[in-house]
Amino acid sequence: PKYFGIAGNKDKRGITFQFVTISFGNVGNIERAQKDRSWIKKVRIGNLEKVKKELRLGNLSGNRFSMALRFIEGVTDEQIKQNVENIKTNGFVNYFGMQRFG
């Protein structure tokens, strides 16, 4: 953990990806470990390269989100479109804490 850097925390329930840096060690060892049968299949690592300066919390330049809306009842397509446009224009509150990490 000492030599791995991340720029932010991930949502506990989301399907996410994140840049992670390694400042010390052999990238080839990580590539080989990923091929081992004991590797956690839900975790995929790619685009490996060694860096001189690892990422730190706060190094983010922003976030992007994709959302899937399913089983919506009681509203019209037009209302959904209006709400989506409102989010595009005004954004939305990105909760941090128990609401997000549950």
PDB file of N, CA and C in Angstrom:
ATOM      1  N   PRO A   1       0.809  -1.210   0.000  1.00  0.00           N
ATOM      2  CA  PRO A   1       0.000   0.000   0.000  1.00  0.00           C
ATOM      3  C   PRO A   1       0.846   1.265   0.000  1.00  0.00           C
ATOM      4  N   LYS A   2       2.049   1.191   0.576  1.00  0.00           N
ATOM      5  CA  LYS A   2       2.902   2.369   0.680  1.00  0.00           C
ATOM      6  C   LYS A   2       3.271   2.935  -0.685  1.00  0.00           C
ATOM      7  N   TYR A   3       3.418   2.077  -1.680  1.00  0.00           N
ATOM      8  CA  TYR A   3       3.877   2.519  -2.988  1.00  0.00           C
ATOM      9  C   TYR A   3       2.760   2.672  -4.013  1.00  0.00           C
ATOM     10  N   PHE A   4       1.533   2.447  -3.593  1.00  0.00           N
ATOM     11  CA  PHE A   4       0.392   2.613  -4.487  1.00  0.00           C
ATOM     12  C   PHE A   4      -0.280   3.938  -4.198  1.00  0.00           C
ATOM     13  N   GLY A   5      -0.661   4.643  -5.241  1.00  0.00           N
ATOM     14  CA  GLY A   5      -1.322   5.926  -5.064  1.00  0.00           C
ATOM     15  C   GLY A   5      -2.660   5.949  -5.765  1.00  0.00           C
ATOM     16  N   ILE A   6      -3.656   6.569  -5.113  1.00  0.00           N
ATOM     17  CA  ILE A   6      -4.975   6.774  -5.710  1.00  0.00           C
ATOM     18  C   ILE A   6      -5.374   8.226  -5.482  1.00  0.00           C
ATOM     19  N   ALA A   7      -6.256   8.737  -6.341  1.00  0.00           N
ATOM     20  CA  ALA A   7      -6.644  10.139  -6.231  1.00  0.00           C
ATOM     21  C   ALA A   7      -7.995  10.323  -5.553  1.00  0.00           C
ATOM     22  N   GLY A   8      -8.695   9.233  -5.259  1.00  0.00           N
ATOM     23  CA  GLY A   8      -9.997   9.369  -4.612  1.00  0.00           C
ATOM     24  C   GLY A   8     -10.558   8.019  -4.214  1.00  0.00           C
ATOM     25  N   ASN A   9     -11.614   8.043  -3.415  1.00  0.00           N
ATOM     26  CA  ASN A   9     -12.288   6.827  -2.972  1.00  0.00           C
ATOM     27  C   ASN A   9     -13.362   6.431  -3.971  1.00  0.00           C
ATOM     28  N   LYS A  10     -13.666   5.143  -4.024  1.00  0.00           N
ATOM     29  CA  LYS A  10     -14.667   4.648  -4.951  1.00  0.00           C
ATOM     30  C   LYS A  10     -15.949   4.318  -4.204  1.00  0.00           C
ATOM     31  N   ASP A  11     -17.044   4.414  -4.912  1.00  0.00           N
ATOM     32  CA  ASP A  11     -18.350   4.076  -4.370  1.00  0.00           C
ATOM     33  C   ASP A  11     -18.416   2.581  -4.091  1.00  0.00           C
ATOM     34  N   LYS A  12     -18.904   2.222  -2.928  1.00  0.00           N
ATOM     35  CA  LYS A  12     -18.944   0.824  -2.496  1.00  0.00           C
ATOM     36  C   LYS A  12     -19.785  -0.053  -3.427  1.00  0.00           C
ATOM     37  N   ARG A  13     -20.886   0.470  -3.951  1.00  0.00           N
ATOM     38  CA  ARG A  13     -21.804  -0.342  -4.747  1.00  0.00           C
ATOM     39  C   ARG A  13     -21.698  -0.082  -6.241  1.00  0.00           C
ATOM     40  N   GLY A  14     -20.868   0.828  -6.653  1.00  0.00           N
ATOM     41  CA  GLY A  14     -20.777   1.192  -8.064  1.00  0.00           C
ATOM     42  C   GLY A  14     -19.891   0.255  -8.865  1.00  0.00           C
ATOM     43  N   ILE A  15     -20.113   0.253 -10.160  1.00  0.00           N
ATOM     44  CA  ILE A  15     -19.193  -0.399 -11.086  1.00  0.00           C
ATOM     45  C   ILE A  15     -18.276   0.714 -11.553  1.00  0.00           C
ATOM     46  N   THR A  16     -17.033   0.670 -11.129  1.00  0.00           N
ATOM     47  CA  THR A  16     -16.155   1.828 -11.294  1.00  0.00           C
ATOM     48  C   THR A  16     -14.802   1.430 -11.878  1.00  0.00           C
ATOM     49  N   PHE A  17     -14.078   2.438 -12.307  1.00  0.00           N
ATOM     50  CA  PHE A  17     -12.674   2.229 -12.629  1.00  0.00           C
ATOM     51  C   PHE A  17     -11.894   3.411 -12.091  1.00  0.00           C
ATOM     52  N   GLN A  18     -10.613   3.176 -11.884  1.00  0.00           N
ATOM     53  CA  GLN A  18      -9.799   4.200 -11.251  1.00  0.00           C
ATOM     54  C   GLN A  18      -8.351   4.048 -11.675  1.00  0.00           C
ATOM     55  N   PHE A  19      -7.681   5.174 -11.803  1.00  0.00           N
ATOM     56  CA  PHE A  19      -6.247   5.151 -12.045  1.00  0.00           C
ATOM     57  C   PHE A  19      -5.543   4.912 -10.718  1.00  0.00           C
ATOM     58  N   VAL A  20      -4.586   4.003 -10.724  1.00  0.00           N
ATOM     59  CA  VAL A  20      -3.774   3.698  -9.557  1.00  0.00           C
ATOM     60  C   VAL A  20      -2.324   3.755 -10.020  1.00  0.00           C
ATOM     61  N   THR A  21      -1.471   4.349  -9.227  1.00  0.00           N
ATOM     62  CA  THR A  21      -0.057   4.418  -9.593  1.00  0.00           C
ATOM     63  C   THR A  21       0.764   3.543  -8.659  1.00  0.00           C
ATOM     64  N   ILE A  22       1.876   3.078  -9.171  1.00  0.00           N
ATOM     65  CA  ILE A  22       2.846   2.349  -8.356  1.00  0.00           C
ATOM     66  C   ILE A  22       4.198   3.034  -8.566  1.00  0.00           C
ATOM     67  N   SER A  23       4.825   3.413  -7.472  1.00  0.00           N
ATOM     68  CA  SER A  23       6.078   4.162  -7.575  1.00  0.00           C
ATOM     69  C   SER A  23       7.301   3.299  -7.281  1.00  0.00           C
ATOM     70  N   PHE A  24       7.082   2.068  -6.836  1.00  0.00           N
ATOM     71  CA  PHE A  24       8.210   1.196  -6.514  1.00  0.00           C
ATOM     72  C   PHE A  24       7.776  -0.241  -6.776  1.00  0.00           C
ATOM     73  N   GLY A  25       8.657  -1.040  -7.295  1.00  0.00           N
ATOM     74  CA  GLY A  25       8.327  -2.439  -7.534  1.00  0.00           C
ATOM     75  C   GLY A  25       8.368  -2.774  -9.014  1.00  0.00           C
ATOM     76  N   ASN A  26       7.989  -3.994  -9.315  1.00  0.00           N
ATOM     77  CA  ASN A  26       8.059  -4.509 -10.674  1.00  0.00           C
ATOM     78  C   ASN A  26       6.654  -4.653 -11.242  1.00  0.00           C
ATOM     79  N   VAL A  27       6.352  -3.878 -12.265  1.00  0.00           N
ATOM     80  CA  VAL A  27       5.036  -3.931 -12.900  1.00  0.00           C
ATOM     81  C   VAL A  27       4.762  -5.331 -13.445  1.00  0.00           C
ATOM     82  N   GLY A  28       5.795  -6.022 -13.916  1.00  0.00           N
ATOM     83  CA  GLY A  28       5.635  -7.379 -14.433  1.00  0.00           C
ATOM     84  C   GLY A  28       5.093  -8.343 -13.387  1.00  0.00           C
ATOM     85  N   ASN A  29       5.457  -8.141 -12.121  1.00  0.00           N
ATOM     86  CA  ASN A  29       4.934  -8.995 -11.055  1.00  0.00           C
ATOM     87  C   ASN A  29       3.415  -8.857 -10.932  1.00  0.00           C
ATOM     88  N   ILE A  30       2.909  -7.654 -11.093  1.00  0.00           N
ATOM     89  CA  ILE A  30       1.465  -7.428 -11.026  1.00  0.00           C
ATOM     90  C   ILE A  30       0.783  -8.098 -12.212  1.00  0.00           C
ATOM     91  N   GLU A  31       1.371  -7.957 -13.387  1.00  0.00           N
ATOM     92  CA  GLU A  31       0.794  -8.593 -14.573  1.00  0.00           C
ATOM     93  C   GLU A  31       0.735 -10.106 -14.408  1.00  0.00           C
ATOM     94  N   ARG A  32       1.799 -10.706 -13.870  1.00  0.00           N
ATOM     95  CA  ARG A  32       1.828 -12.159 -13.657  1.00  0.00           C
ATOM     96  C   ARG A  32       0.824 -12.575 -12.582  1.00  0.00           C
ATOM     97  N   ALA A  33       0.730 -11.817 -11.509  1.00  0.00           N
ATOM     98  CA  ALA A  33      -0.196 -12.153 -10.416  1.00  0.00           C
ATOM     99  C   ALA A  33      -1.641 -12.161 -10.904  1.00  0.00           C
ATOM    100  N   GLN A  34      -1.966 -11.255 -11.813  1.00  0.00           N
ATOM    101  CA  GLN A  34      -3.327 -11.152 -12.328  1.00  0.00           C
ATOM    102  C   GLN A  34      -3.730 -12.407 -13.114  1.00  0.00           C
ATOM    103  N   LYS A  35      -2.758 -13.128 -13.656  1.00  0.00           N
ATOM    104  CA  LYS A  35      -3.031 -14.345 -14.428  1.00  0.00           C
ATOM    105  C   LYS A  35      -3.184 -15.582 -13.537  1.00  0.00           C
ATOM    106  N   ASP A  36      -2.835 -15.463 -12.264  1.00  0.00           N
ATOM    107  CA  ASP A  36      -2.912 -16.585 -11.339  1.00  0.00           C
ATOM    108  C   ASP A  36      -4.376 -16.920 -11.026  1.00  0.00           C
ATOM    109  N   ARG A  37      -4.666 -18.201 -10.801  1.00  0.00           N
ATOM    110  CA  ARG A  37      -6.039 -18.635 -10.519  1.00  0.00           C
ATOM    111  C   ARG A  37      -6.604 -18.007  -9.255  1.00  0.00           C
ATOM    112  N   SER A  38      -5.764 -17.629  -8.314  1.00  0.00           N
ATOM    113  CA  SER A  38      -6.247 -17.065  -7.056  1.00  0.00           C
ATOM    114  C   SER A  38      -6.604 -15.575  -7.164  1.00  0.00           C
ATOM    115  N   TRP A  39      -6.339 -14.958  -8.325  1.00  0.00           N
ATOM    116  CA  TRP A  39      -6.614 -13.533  -8.511  1.00  0.00           C
ATOM    117  C   TRP A  39      -8.114 -13.267  -8.425  1.00  0.00           C
ATOM    118  N   ILE A  40      -8.504 -12.190  -7.785  1.00  0.00           N
ATOM    119  CA  ILE A  40      -9.911 -11.803  -7.671  1.00  0.00           C
ATOM    120  C   ILE A  40     -10.399 -11.391  -9.054  1.00  0.00           C
ATOM    121  N   LYS A  41     -11.319 -12.142  -9.610  1.00  0.00           N
ATOM    122  CA  LYS A  41     -11.746 -11.931 -11.003  1.00  0.00           C
ATOM    123  C   LYS A  41     -12.513 -10.627 -11.204  1.00  0.00           C
ATOM    124  N   LYS A  42     -13.063 -10.053 -10.140  1.00  0.00           N
ATOM    125  CA  LYS A  42     -13.791  -8.786 -10.273  1.00  0.00           C
ATOM    126  C   LYS A  42     -12.846  -7.591 -10.415  1.00  0.00           C
ATOM    127  N   VAL A  43     -11.572  -7.812 -10.165  1.00  0.00           N
ATOM    128  CA  VAL A  43     -10.583  -6.741 -10.256  1.00  0.00           C
ATOM    129  C   VAL A  43      -9.753  -6.954 -11.517  1.00  0.00           C
ATOM    130  N   ARG A  44      -9.726  -5.932 -12.363  1.00  0.00           N
ATOM    131  CA  ARG A  44      -8.926  -5.998 -13.585  1.00  0.00           C
ATOM    132  C   ARG A  44      -7.937  -4.845 -13.575  1.00  0.00           C
ATOM    133  N   ILE A  45      -6.741  -5.141 -13.996  1.00  0.00           N
ATOM    134  CA  ILE A  45      -5.696  -4.118 -14.051  1.00  0.00           C
ATOM    135  C   ILE A  45      -5.184  -4.051 -15.479  1.00  0.00           C
ATOM    136  N   GLY A  46      -5.018  -2.840 -15.980  1.00  0.00           N
ATOM    137  CA  GLY A  46      -4.501  -2.674 -17.326  1.00  0.00           C
ATOM    138  C   GLY A  46      -3.717  -1.391 -17.458  1.00  0.00           C
ATOM    139  N   ASN A  47      -3.093  -1.207 -18.606  1.00  0.00           N
ATOM    140  CA  ASN A  47      -2.323   0.006 -18.899  1.00  0.00           C
ATOM    141  C   ASN A  47      -1.275   0.277 -17.820  1.00  0.00           C
ATOM    142  N   LEU A  48      -0.531  -0.752 -17.462  1.00  0.00           N
ATOM    143  CA  LEU A  48       0.447  -0.621 -16.386  1.00  0.00           C
ATOM    144  C   LEU A  48       1.693   0.111 -16.850  1.00  0.00           C
ATOM    145  N   GLU A  49       2.138   1.028 -16.017  1.00  0.00           N
ATOM    146  CA  GLU A  49       3.417   1.693 -16.237  1.00  0.00           C
ATOM    147  C   GLU A  49       3.900   2.243 -14.905  1.00  0.00           C
ATOM    148  N   LYS A  50       5.203   2.278 -14.738  1.00  0.00           N
ATOM    149  CA  LYS A  50       5.791   2.799 -13.516  1.00  0.00           C
ATOM    150  C   LYS A  50       5.864   4.317 -13.596  1.00  0.00           C
ATOM    151  N   VAL A  51       5.633   4.989 -12.468  1.00  0.00           N
ATOM    152  CA  VAL A  51       5.671   6.449 -12.423  1.00  0.00           C
ATOM    153  C   VAL A  51       6.670   6.913 -11.368  1.00  0.00           C
ATOM    154  N   LYS A  52       7.141   8.131 -11.521  1.00  0.00           N
ATOM    155  CA  LYS A  52       8.062   8.696 -10.538  1.00  0.00           C
ATOM    156  C   LYS A  52       7.310   9.315  -9.359  1.00  0.00           C
ATOM    157  N   LYS A  53       6.118   9.841  -9.635  1.00  0.00           N
ATOM    158  CA  LYS A  53       5.339  10.503  -8.595  1.00  0.00           C
ATOM    159  C   LYS A  53       3.943   9.896  -8.569  1.00  0.00           C
ATOM    160  N   GLU A  54       3.593   9.247  -7.451  1.00  0.00           N
ATOM    161  CA  GLU A  54       2.298   8.577  -7.373  1.00  0.00           C
ATOM    162  C   GLU A  54       1.152   9.556  -7.165  1.00  0.00           C
ATOM    163  N   LEU A  55      -0.043   9.108  -7.500  1.00  0.00           N
ATOM    164  CA  LEU A  55      -1.242   9.903  -7.253  1.00  0.00           C
ATOM    165  C   LEU A  55      -1.455  10.051  -5.751  1.00  0.00           C
ATOM    166  N   ARG A  56      -2.091  11.135  -5.374  1.00  0.00           N
ATOM    167  CA  ARG A  56      -2.449  11.392  -3.973  1.00  0.00           C
ATOM    168  C   ARG A  56      -3.917  11.800  -3.923  1.00  0.00           C
ATOM    169  N   LEU A  57      -4.531  11.593  -2.765  1.00  0.00           N
ATOM    170  CA  LEU A  57      -5.913  12.054  -2.593  1.00  0.00           C
ATOM    171  C   LEU A  57      -5.995  13.535  -2.933  1.00  0.00           C
ATOM    172  N   GLY A  58      -6.986  13.894  -3.708  1.00  0.00           N
ATOM    173  CA  GLY A  58      -7.154  15.281  -4.107  1.00  0.00           C
ATOM    174  C   GLY A  58      -6.584  15.609  -5.472  1.00  0.00           C
ATOM    175  N   ASN A  59      -5.865  14.681  -6.114  1.00  0.00           N
ATOM    176  CA  ASN A  59      -5.305  14.935  -7.437  1.00  0.00           C
ATOM    177  C   ASN A  59      -6.336  14.823  -8.562  1.00  0.00           C
ATOM    178  N   LEU A  60      -7.590  14.669  -8.224  1.00  0.00           N
ATOM    179  CA  LEU A  60      -8.631  14.526  -9.241  1.00  0.00           C
ATOM    180  C   LEU A  60      -8.892  15.838  -9.956  1.00  0.00           C
ATOM    181  N   SER A  61      -9.164  15.755 -11.240  1.00  0.00           N
ATOM    182  CA  SER A  61      -9.578  16.950 -11.973  1.00  0.00           C
ATOM    183  C   SER A  61     -11.085  16.949 -12.190  1.00  0.00           C
ATOM    184  N   GLY A  62     -11.764  15.898 -11.768  1.00  0.00           N
ATOM    185  CA  GLY A  62     -13.215  15.823 -11.886  1.00  0.00           C
ATOM    186  C   GLY A  62     -13.681  14.385 -11.994  1.00  0.00           C
ATOM    187  N   ASN A  63     -14.985  14.209 -11.963  1.00  0.00           N
ATOM    188  CA  ASN A  63     -15.599  12.892 -12.075  1.00  0.00           C
ATOM    189  C   ASN A  63     -16.568  12.882 -13.241  1.00  0.00           C
ATOM    190  N   ARG A  64     -16.779  11.699 -13.786  1.00  0.00           N
ATOM    191  CA  ARG A  64     -17.817  11.498 -14.798  1.00  0.00           C
ATOM    192  C   ARG A  64     -18.680  10.335 -14.349  1.00  0.00           C
ATOM    193  N   PHE A  65     -19.974  10.459 -14.567  1.00  0.00           N
ATOM    194  CA  PHE A  65     -20.899   9.426 -14.148  1.00  0.00           C
ATOM    195  C   PHE A  65     -21.812   9.047 -15.300  1.00  0.00           C
ATOM    196  N   SER A  66     -22.160   7.789 -15.351  1.00  0.00           N
ATOM    197  CA  SER A  66     -23.222   7.304 -16.229  1.00  0.00           C
ATOM    198  C   SER A  66     -24.260   6.665 -15.330  1.00  0.00           C
ATOM    199  N   MET A  67     -25.526   6.930 -15.614  1.00  0.00           N
ATOM    200  CA  MET A  67     -26.589   6.356 -14.804  1.00  0.00           C
ATOM    201  C   MET A  67     -27.563   5.627 -15.707  1.00  0.00           C
ATOM    202  N   ALA A  68     -28.085   4.531 -15.212  1.00  0.00           N
ATOM    203  CA  ALA A  68     -29.133   3.789 -15.908  1.00  0.00           C
ATOM    204  C   ALA A  68     -30.418   3.958 -15.110  1.00  0.00           C
ATOM    205  N   LEU A  69     -31.452   4.463 -15.766  1.00  0.00           N
ATOM    206  CA  LEU A  69     -32.751   4.633 -15.117  1.00  0.00           C
ATOM    207  C   LEU A  69     -33.648   3.482 -15.550  1.00  0.00           C
ATOM    208  N   ARG A  70     -34.135   2.732 -14.571  1.00  0.00           N
ATOM    209  CA  ARG A  70     -34.962   1.568 -14.871  1.00  0.00           C
ATOM    210  C   ARG A  70     -36.213   1.577 -14.011  1.00  0.00           C
ATOM    211  N   PHE A  71     -37.259   0.982 -14.531  1.00  0.00           N
ATOM    212  CA  PHE A  71     -38.501   0.760 -13.775  1.00  0.00           C
ATOM    213  C   PHE A  71     -39.053   2.045 -13.170  1.00  0.00           C
ATOM    214  N   ILE A  72     -39.074   3.102 -13.951  1.00  0.00           N
ATOM    215  CA  ILE A  72     -39.592   4.382 -13.481  1.00  0.00           C
ATOM    216  C   ILE A  72     -41.091   4.424 -13.765  1.00  0.00           C
ATOM    217  N   GLU A  73     -41.863   4.649 -12.729  1.00  0.00           N
ATOM    218  CA  GLU A  73     -43.319   4.694 -12.876  1.00  0.00           C
ATOM    219  C   GLU A  73     -43.843   6.023 -12.368  1.00  0.00           C
ATOM    220  N   GLY A  74     -44.961   6.445 -12.907  1.00  0.00           N
ATOM    221  CA  GLY A  74     -45.630   7.641 -12.406  1.00  0.00           C
ATOM    222  C   GLY A  74     -45.125   8.948 -12.981  1.00  0.00           C
ATOM    223  N   VAL A  75     -44.226   8.904 -13.952  1.00  0.00           N
ATOM    224  CA  VAL A  75     -43.761  10.127 -14.621  1.00  0.00           C
ATOM    225  C   VAL A  75     -43.749   9.884 -16.126  1.00  0.00           C
ATOM    226  N   THR A  76     -43.863  10.960 -16.858  1.00  0.00           N
ATOM    227  CA  THR A  76     -43.869  10.858 -18.316  1.00  0.00           C
ATOM    228  C   THR A  76     -42.451  10.926 -18.865  1.00  0.00           C
ATOM    229  N   ASP A  77     -42.292  10.505 -20.107  1.00  0.00           N
ATOM    230  CA  ASP A  77     -40.986  10.630 -20.769  1.00  0.00           C
ATOM    231  C   ASP A  77     -40.542  12.086 -20.808  1.00  0.00           C
ATOM    232  N   GLU A  78     -41.494  12.985 -21.024  1.00  0.00           N
ATOM    233  CA  GLU A  78     -41.166  14.418 -21.081  1.00  0.00           C
ATOM    234  C   GLU A  78     -40.633  14.916 -19.730  1.00  0.00           C
ATOM    235  N   GLN A  79     -41.236  14.472 -18.638  1.00  0.00           N
ATOM    236  CA  GLN A  79     -40.749  14.868 -17.305  1.00  0.00           C
ATOM    237  C   GLN A  79     -39.330  14.336 -17.065  1.00  0.00           C
ATOM    238  N   ILE A  80     -39.077  13.123 -17.497  1.00  0.00           N
ATOM    239  CA  ILE A  80     -37.734  12.555 -17.345  1.00  0.00           C
ATOM    240  C   ILE A  80     -36.740  13.381 -18.148  1.00  0.00           C
ATOM    241  N   LYS A  81     -37.091  13.712 -19.399  1.00  0.00           N
ATOM    242  CA  LYS A  81     -36.199  14.524 -20.236  1.00  0.00           C
ATOM    243  C   LYS A  81     -35.922  15.874 -19.599  1.00  0.00           C
ATOM    244  N   GLN A  82     -36.958  16.504 -19.025  1.00  0.00           N
ATOM    245  CA  GLN A  82     -36.778  17.807 -18.370  1.00  0.00           C
ATOM    246  C   GLN A  82     -35.828  17.687 -17.173  1.00  0.00           C
ATOM    247  N   ASN A  83     -35.992  16.626 -16.402  1.00  0.00           N
ATOM    248  CA  ASN A  83     -35.119  16.427 -15.236  1.00  0.00           C
ATOM    249  C   ASN A  83     -33.682  16.152 -15.653  1.00  0.00           C
ATOM    250  N   VAL A  84     -33.495  15.385 -16.709  1.00  0.00           N
ATOM    251  CA  VAL A  84     -32.143  15.119 -17.207  1.00  0.00           C
ATOM    252  C   VAL A  84     -31.495  16.417 -17.681  1.00  0.00           C
ATOM    253  N   GLU A  85     -32.238  17.244 -18.387  1.00  0.00           N
ATOM    254  CA  GLU A  85     -31.718  18.543 -18.834  1.00  0.00           C
ATOM    255  C   GLU A  85     -31.356  19.421 -17.643  1.00  0.00           C
ATOM    256  N   ASN A  86     -32.163  19.380 -16.597  1.00  0.00           N
ATOM    257  CA  ASN A  86     -31.882  20.150 -15.387  1.00  0.00           C
ATOM    258  C   ASN A  86     -30.564  19.699 -14.760  1.00  0.00           C
ATOM    259  N   ILE A  87     -30.329  18.388 -14.728  1.00  0.00           N
ATOM    260  CA  ILE A  87     -29.065  17.875 -14.178  1.00  0.00           C
ATOM    261  C   ILE A  87     -27.900  18.302 -15.056  1.00  0.00           C
ATOM    262  N   LYS A  88     -28.082  18.249 -16.382  1.00  0.00           N
ATOM    263  CA  LYS A  88     -27.007  18.678 -17.286  1.00  0.00           C
ATOM    264  C   LYS A  88     -26.652  20.144 -17.052  1.00  0.00           C
ATOM    265  N   THR A  89     -27.666  20.966 -16.836  1.00  0.00           N
ATOM    266  CA  THR A  89     -27.455  22.404 -16.670  1.00  0.00           C
ATOM    267  C   THR A  89     -26.923  22.760 -15.291  1.00  0.00           C
ATOM    268  N   ASN A  90     -27.498  22.152 -14.242  1.00  0.00           N
ATOM    269  CA  ASN A  90     -27.212  22.566 -12.873  1.00  0.00           C
ATOM    270  C   ASN A  90     -26.360  21.586 -12.078  1.00  0.00           C
ATOM    271  N   GLY A  91     -26.173  20.377 -12.608  1.00  0.00           N
ATOM    272  CA  GLY A  91     -25.449  19.370 -11.848  1.00  0.00           C
ATOM    273  C   GLY A  91     -26.318  18.778 -10.757  1.00  0.00           C
ATOM    274  N   PHE A  92     -25.694  18.000  -9.873  1.00  0.00           N
ATOM    275  CA  PHE A  92     -26.417  17.415  -8.754  1.00  0.00           C
ATOM    276  C   PHE A  92     -25.469  17.254  -7.583  1.00  0.00           C
ATOM    277  N   VAL A  93     -26.028  17.093  -6.397  1.00  0.00           N
ATOM    278  CA  VAL A  93     -25.228  16.949  -5.189  1.00  0.00           C
ATOM    279  C   VAL A  93     -24.603  15.564  -5.196  1.00  0.00           C
ATOM    280  N   ASN A  94     -23.291  15.503  -5.067  1.00  0.00           N
ATOM    281  CA  ASN A  94     -22.566  14.245  -5.012  1.00  0.00           C
ATOM    282  C   ASN A  94     -22.291  13.957  -3.542  1.00  0.00           C
ATOM    283  N   TYR A  95     -23.193  13.208  -2.909  1.00  0.00           N
ATOM    284  CA  TYR A  95     -23.077  12.951  -1.484  1.00  0.00           C
ATOM    285  C   TYR A  95     -21.810  12.177  -1.157  1.00  0.00           C
ATOM    286  N   PHE A  96     -21.216  12.514  -0.042  1.00  0.00           N
ATOM    287  CA  PHE A  96     -20.028  11.820   0.435  1.00  0.00           C
ATOM    288  C   PHE A  96     -20.296  11.421   1.871  1.00  0.00           C
ATOM    289  N   GLY A  97     -20.075  10.212   2.198  1.00  0.00           N
ATOM    290  CA  GLY A  97     -20.310   9.749   3.564  1.00  0.00           C
ATOM    291  C   GLY A  97     -21.175   8.506   3.550  1.00  0.00           C
ATOM    292  N   MET A  98     -21.978   8.336   4.584  1.00  0.00           N
ATOM    293  CA  MET A  98     -22.785   7.129   4.732  1.00  0.00           C
ATOM    294  C   MET A  98     -23.766   6.936   3.567  1.00  0.00           C
ATOM    295  N   GLN A  99     -24.309   8.036   3.025  1.00  0.00           N
ATOM    296  CA  GLN A  99     -25.223   7.903   1.893  1.00  0.00           C
ATOM    297  C   GLN A  99     -24.531   7.228   0.721  1.00  0.00           C
ATOM    298  N   ARG A 100     -23.269   7.530   0.537  1.00  0.00           N
ATOM    299  CA  ARG A 100     -22.542   7.040  -0.617  1.00  0.00           C
ATOM    300  C   ARG A 100     -21.889   5.694  -0.354  1.00  0.00           C
ATOM    301  N   PHE A 101     -21.298   5.523   0.790  1.00  0.00           N
ATOM    302  CA  PHE A 101     -20.510   4.328   1.048  1.00  0.00           C
ATOM    303  C   PHE A 101     -21.256   3.285   1.872  1.00  0.00           C
ATOM    304  N   GLY A 102     -22.447   3.644   2.370  1.00  0.00           N
ATOM    305  CA  GLY A 102     -23.351   2.725   3.047  1.00  0.00           C
ATOM    306  C   GLY A 102     -22.722   1.773   3.959  1.00  0.00           C
TER     307      GLY A 102
END
